[in-house]
Protein backbone atom coordinates (compact mmCIF):
# COMPACT_ATOMS: atom_id res chain seq x y z
CA MET A 1 92.65 222.08 47.69
CA LYS A 2 92.03 218.76 45.99
CA LYS A 3 95.50 217.97 44.68
CA ILE A 4 98.63 218.52 46.78
CA LEU A 5 102.08 218.10 45.28
CA VAL A 6 104.85 217.11 47.71
CA PRO A 7 108.39 216.79 46.32
CA THR A 8 110.54 214.48 48.41
CA ASP A 9 114.16 213.46 48.66
CA PHE A 10 113.23 211.13 51.56
CA SER A 11 114.95 213.41 54.05
CA ASP A 12 113.54 214.33 57.46
CA THR A 13 112.79 217.82 56.18
CA ALA A 14 110.78 216.47 53.26
CA GLU A 15 108.87 214.23 55.67
CA HIS A 16 107.99 217.28 57.79
CA ALA A 17 106.33 218.75 54.70
CA LEU A 18 104.58 215.46 53.91
CA LYS A 19 103.11 215.29 57.42
CA ILE A 20 101.53 218.72 56.98
CA ALA A 21 100.29 217.74 53.52
CA ALA A 22 98.70 214.66 55.07
CA GLN A 23 96.91 216.74 57.70
CA LEU A 24 95.54 219.10 55.05
CA ALA A 25 94.60 216.17 52.80
CA LYS A 26 92.55 214.54 55.55
CA LYS A 27 90.83 217.81 56.37
CA HIS A 28 89.96 218.69 52.78
CA ASN A 29 89.63 215.19 51.30
CA SER A 30 92.60 215.82 49.02
CA GLU A 31 94.92 213.58 47.07
CA ILE A 32 98.70 213.78 47.46
CA TYR A 33 101.08 213.55 44.52
CA LEU A 34 104.35 212.44 46.07
CA LEU A 35 107.21 213.18 43.71
CA HIS A 36 110.82 212.05 43.74
CA MET A 37 113.26 213.27 41.12
CA LEU A 38 116.20 211.14 40.03
CA GLU A 39 118.82 213.63 38.89
CA LEU A 40 121.12 211.20 37.08
CA PRO A 41 123.70 211.88 34.38
CA MET A 42 122.22 211.74 30.88
CA GLN A 43 124.30 208.70 29.92
CA LEU A 44 122.53 206.73 32.65
CA ILE A 45 119.07 207.87 31.61
CA ASP A 46 119.57 207.60 27.84
CA PRO A 47 122.09 204.91 26.89
CA VAL A 48 121.73 205.83 23.20
CA ALA A 49 122.80 209.42 23.85
CA GLY A 50 125.49 208.28 26.23
CA GLY A 51 126.77 205.65 23.88
CA ASN A 52 127.03 202.96 26.55
CA SER A 53 124.19 200.47 26.84
CA GLN A 54 125.78 198.98 29.95
CA ASN A 55 124.54 202.00 31.92
CA LEU A 56 120.87 201.02 31.53
CA PRO A 57 120.88 198.48 34.41
CA GLU A 58 122.31 201.17 36.68
CA SER A 59 119.46 203.56 35.95
CA ILE A 60 116.97 200.74 36.54
CA PHE A 61 118.67 200.09 39.89
CA PHE A 62 118.16 203.70 41.00
CA MET A 63 114.52 203.56 39.91
CA LYS A 64 113.91 200.36 41.90
CA LEU A 65 115.65 201.86 44.92
CA ALA A 66 113.38 204.89 44.77
CA HIS A 67 110.28 202.70 44.63
CA GLN A 68 111.54 200.74 47.64
CA ARG A 69 111.92 203.95 49.60
CA PHE A 70 108.44 204.98 48.51
CA ALA A 71 107.04 201.69 49.73
CA LYS A 72 108.65 202.23 53.14
CA LEU A 73 107.39 205.78 53.31
CA MET A 74 103.85 204.72 52.45
CA GLN A 75 103.77 202.63 55.65
CA ARG A 76 103.83 205.78 57.78
CA PRO A 77 100.73 205.92 59.99
CA PHE A 78 100.04 209.55 59.10
CA LEU A 79 99.36 208.55 55.47
CA LYS A 80 96.67 206.05 56.37
CA ASP A 81 93.39 206.48 54.42
CA ILE A 82 94.92 209.12 52.12
CA LYS A 83 95.12 208.57 48.37
CA VAL A 84 98.78 209.01 47.48
CA HIS A 85 100.10 208.92 43.93
CA GLU A 86 103.70 207.76 43.69
CA THR A 87 105.73 209.47 40.98
CA VAL A 88 109.39 208.93 40.15
CA MET A 89 110.95 210.88 37.30
CA PHE A 90 114.35 211.18 35.67
CA HIS A 91 114.58 214.95 35.60
CA GLN A 92 116.19 218.00 37.10
CA ALA A 93 114.31 218.58 40.35
CA PHE A 94 113.00 222.06 39.59
CA ASP A 95 111.88 221.21 36.05
CA GLY A 96 110.20 218.04 37.24
CA ILE A 97 108.29 219.77 40.01
CA MET A 98 106.96 222.39 37.61
CA GLU A 99 106.04 219.76 35.03
CA VAL A 100 104.14 217.55 37.46
CA SER A 101 102.31 220.47 39.08
CA GLU A 102 101.00 221.50 35.65
CA ASP A 103 100.33 218.02 34.26
CA TYR A 104 98.22 217.02 37.25
CA ASP A 105 96.67 220.46 37.77
CA CYS A 106 97.78 220.59 41.41
CA ASP A 107 96.40 223.27 43.72
CA ILE A 108 99.39 223.74 46.01
CA ILE A 109 103.00 222.62 46.43
CA ILE A 110 104.15 221.76 49.93
CA MET A 111 107.88 221.28 50.28
CA GLY A 112 110.51 221.22 52.96
CA SER A 113 113.53 223.45 53.13
CA HIS A 114 116.92 222.58 54.53
CA GLY A 115 117.69 226.22 55.25
CA ALA A 116 118.96 226.42 58.81
CA SER A 117 120.62 229.82 58.93
CA GLY A 118 117.57 232.00 58.70
CA PHE A 119 114.44 233.02 56.88
CA LYS A 120 116.26 234.25 53.78
CA GLU A 121 118.29 231.05 53.50
CA MET A 122 115.05 229.11 53.12
CA PHE A 123 114.89 230.35 49.54
CA ILE A 124 118.38 231.18 48.36
CA GLY A 125 120.42 228.82 46.21
CA SER A 126 118.07 225.86 46.24
CA ASN A 127 115.34 224.18 44.25
CA THR A 128 112.91 225.64 46.77
CA GLU A 129 113.86 229.16 45.71
CA LYS A 130 113.36 228.29 42.04
CA VAL A 131 109.96 226.77 42.71
CA VAL A 132 108.88 229.71 44.86
CA ARG A 133 109.67 232.29 42.23
CA SER A 134 108.26 230.32 39.28
CA SER A 135 105.22 228.43 40.54
CA ASN A 136 101.83 229.70 39.42
CA ILE A 137 100.19 227.97 42.39
CA PRO A 138 100.84 228.65 46.09
CA VAL A 139 103.98 227.12 47.59
CA LEU A 140 103.95 226.26 51.28
CA VAL A 141 107.52 226.00 52.60
CA ILE A 142 108.12 224.00 55.75
CA LYS A 143 111.29 224.37 57.75
CA ASN A 144 110.65 222.36 60.90
CA GLU A 145 108.44 219.58 62.17
CA HIS A 146 104.96 220.58 63.30
CA GLY A 147 103.10 217.99 65.32
CA ASN A 148 99.74 219.57 64.62
CA PHE A 149 99.44 222.08 61.81
CA GLU A 150 97.01 224.59 63.23
CA VAL A 151 97.25 228.16 61.99
CA GLU A 152 95.42 230.79 64.00
CA ASN A 153 96.92 233.87 62.37
CA PHE A 154 97.68 234.21 58.68
CA ILE A 155 99.96 237.23 58.19
CA PHE A 156 100.02 238.54 54.64
CA ALA A 157 102.86 241.01 54.34
CA THR A 158 102.23 243.49 51.55
CA ASP A 159 103.28 246.84 50.13
CA ALA A 160 99.63 247.30 49.03
CA ASP A 161 100.63 247.89 45.43
CA GLY A 162 97.48 247.88 43.30
CA SER A 163 99.15 245.79 40.58
CA ASN A 164 99.40 242.91 43.08
CA LYS A 165 95.71 242.75 43.95
CA HIS A 166 95.22 239.26 42.57
CA THR A 167 97.66 237.87 45.14
CA LEU A 168 95.53 239.43 47.88
CA GLU A 169 92.55 237.37 46.77
CA LYS A 170 94.65 234.19 46.66
CA ALA A 171 96.03 234.86 50.13
CA TYR A 172 92.62 235.66 51.61
CA ASN A 173 91.08 232.52 50.12
CA PHE A 174 93.93 230.46 51.53
CA ALA A 175 93.38 231.95 54.99
CA GLN A 176 89.69 231.11 54.74
CA LEU A 177 90.53 227.58 53.65
CA ILE A 178 92.71 226.92 56.70
CA GLU A 179 90.27 228.83 58.94
CA ALA A 180 92.82 231.39 60.11
CA LYS A 181 92.43 235.05 61.03
CA PHE A 182 93.61 237.23 58.16
CA HIS A 183 96.11 239.99 58.92
CA LEU A 184 97.34 242.55 56.40
CA LEU A 185 100.78 243.71 57.44
CA PHE A 186 102.52 246.82 56.13
CA ILE A 187 106.09 247.45 57.23
CA ASN A 188 107.20 251.05 57.52
CA THR A 189 110.95 251.58 57.32
CA PRO A 190 113.08 254.73 57.73
CA ASN A 191 114.13 254.66 54.08
CA ASN A 192 110.57 254.34 52.76
CA PHE A 193 108.48 255.94 55.47
CA ILE A 194 104.91 257.04 54.84
CA THR A 195 102.36 258.23 57.36
CA SER A 196 99.85 255.91 59.00
CA THR A 197 97.04 257.78 57.26
CA GLU A 198 98.65 257.14 53.88
CA VAL A 199 99.16 253.46 54.71
CA ARG A 200 95.53 253.02 55.71
CA GLU A 201 94.32 254.70 52.54
CA ARG A 202 96.63 252.54 50.44
CA ILE A 203 95.45 249.32 52.10
CA GLU A 204 91.78 250.33 51.84
CA ASN A 205 92.28 250.92 48.12
CA PHE A 206 94.16 247.63 47.93
CA VAL A 207 91.24 245.62 49.33
CA SER A 208 88.53 247.55 47.48
CA GLY A 209 86.68 245.51 44.92
CA PHE A 210 87.09 242.27 46.85
CA ASN A 211 84.69 240.65 49.26
CA ILE A 212 87.19 240.96 52.09
CA HIS A 213 85.74 242.27 55.31
CA ASP A 214 87.04 240.06 58.09
CA TYR A 215 90.64 241.20 58.37
CA LYS A 216 92.93 243.19 60.61
CA MET A 217 95.26 245.90 59.35
CA HIS A 218 98.68 246.35 60.95
CA ILE A 219 101.31 249.03 60.44
CA TYR A 220 104.63 247.95 61.92
CA ASN A 221 107.74 250.12 62.11
CA ASP A 222 111.16 248.52 61.82
CA VAL A 223 114.59 249.07 60.35
CA SER A 224 113.88 246.81 57.35
CA VAL A 225 110.95 245.02 55.76
CA GLU A 226 112.28 241.56 56.52
CA LYS A 227 112.98 242.28 60.18
CA GLY A 228 109.58 243.89 60.53
CA ILE A 229 107.80 240.83 59.15
CA LEU A 230 109.73 238.50 61.43
CA ASN A 231 109.41 240.64 64.55
CA PHE A 232 105.67 241.03 64.03
CA ALA A 233 105.12 237.37 63.19
CA MET A 234 106.99 236.15 66.24
CA LYS A 235 104.51 237.98 68.45
CA GLN A 236 101.54 236.14 66.94
CA LYS A 237 100.22 232.80 68.12
CA LYS A 238 100.41 229.88 65.66
CA ALA A 239 101.32 232.15 62.77
CA LEU A 240 101.81 231.53 59.07
CA ILE A 241 103.56 234.15 56.94
CA GLY A 242 102.26 234.85 53.45
CA ILE A 243 104.18 236.85 50.85
CA SER A 244 104.04 237.62 47.15
CA THR A 245 106.89 236.88 44.76
CA HIS A 246 107.87 238.50 41.49
CA GLY A 247 108.62 235.53 39.30
CA ARG A 248 112.16 235.54 37.96
CA LYS A 249 112.98 238.56 40.08
CA GLY A 250 112.98 236.20 43.05
CA LEU A 251 112.34 237.62 46.49
CA ALA A 252 114.51 240.69 46.05
CA HIS A 253 111.46 242.96 45.97
CA PHE A 254 110.59 242.06 49.52
CA PHE A 255 113.82 240.75 50.96
CA ASN A 256 116.38 243.32 49.93
CA GLY A 257 118.61 243.35 52.98
CA SER A 258 120.55 241.07 55.25
CA ILE A 259 118.88 239.57 58.30
CA SER A 260 120.44 238.98 61.66
CA GLU A 261 121.01 235.24 62.08
CA ASP A 262 120.23 235.42 65.78
CA LEU A 263 116.86 236.99 65.00
CA VAL A 264 115.66 234.82 62.17
CA ASN A 265 116.60 231.54 63.82
CA HIS A 266 113.54 232.14 66.01
CA ALA A 267 111.25 232.33 62.95
CA ASN A 268 110.20 228.72 62.86
CA MET A 269 106.76 229.26 61.38
CA PRO A 270 106.01 228.12 57.83
CA VAL A 271 105.76 230.46 54.84
CA VAL A 272 103.41 230.38 51.87
CA THR A 273 104.09 232.30 48.67
CA PHE A 274 101.84 233.59 45.91
CA LYS A 275 103.19 234.58 42.52
CA ILE A 276 102.45 238.09 41.28
């Protein structure tokens, strides 16, 4: 984890993500690429295309304003002694994040989410959701402020499908990197119930071929996959949830049902995703 990309809109939520990025950067001697996207109308970005050269000073103003906010942010004590690269781009947020992550060969994206109405809302209808389903590198989504980012239990929820094995390796390596206990979690639901013996055989086949020995297997019964993940995770100390995503299919493979708002509002732990 040498290069960490942190998109920011200078909100409190984005700063929560930056604080965690800073903690990981100090621990792993990483560099942070702090990115702000200026989503301006094309006529402000390209006066030739817009046909009005008087708009150019306005775009320069927004760029200067962004750099001023960067300068203020860089004074935060938690960024002391960390190499931070300041990047401001005229771009759509999602496109810019993907472009920068590839251009600078970043290892992980850490970003905040404004979702306040539950676990599912963290990803739906936002740039976060687009990044999660498209990023080829892990995306760590932060919802709340964490004074000290210490993860004791990394919970990788999986259906143990053999075609997703490569995400298992990514998840396990991430757990090792943050020095967390690795848990493989299978949710059994009434609509897709299989016996415990079948689950164990499936998970054993899932981990075969990898040098993964230090892990715990859990079979958890619940009315839906999403509720099972949340109910299990809430019982763990200092937990981080890991899940796989299916690219442009979004999170529908895993999160295919509604979630009780009262339940998920208690799920304040971060989530990291790995693209299948």
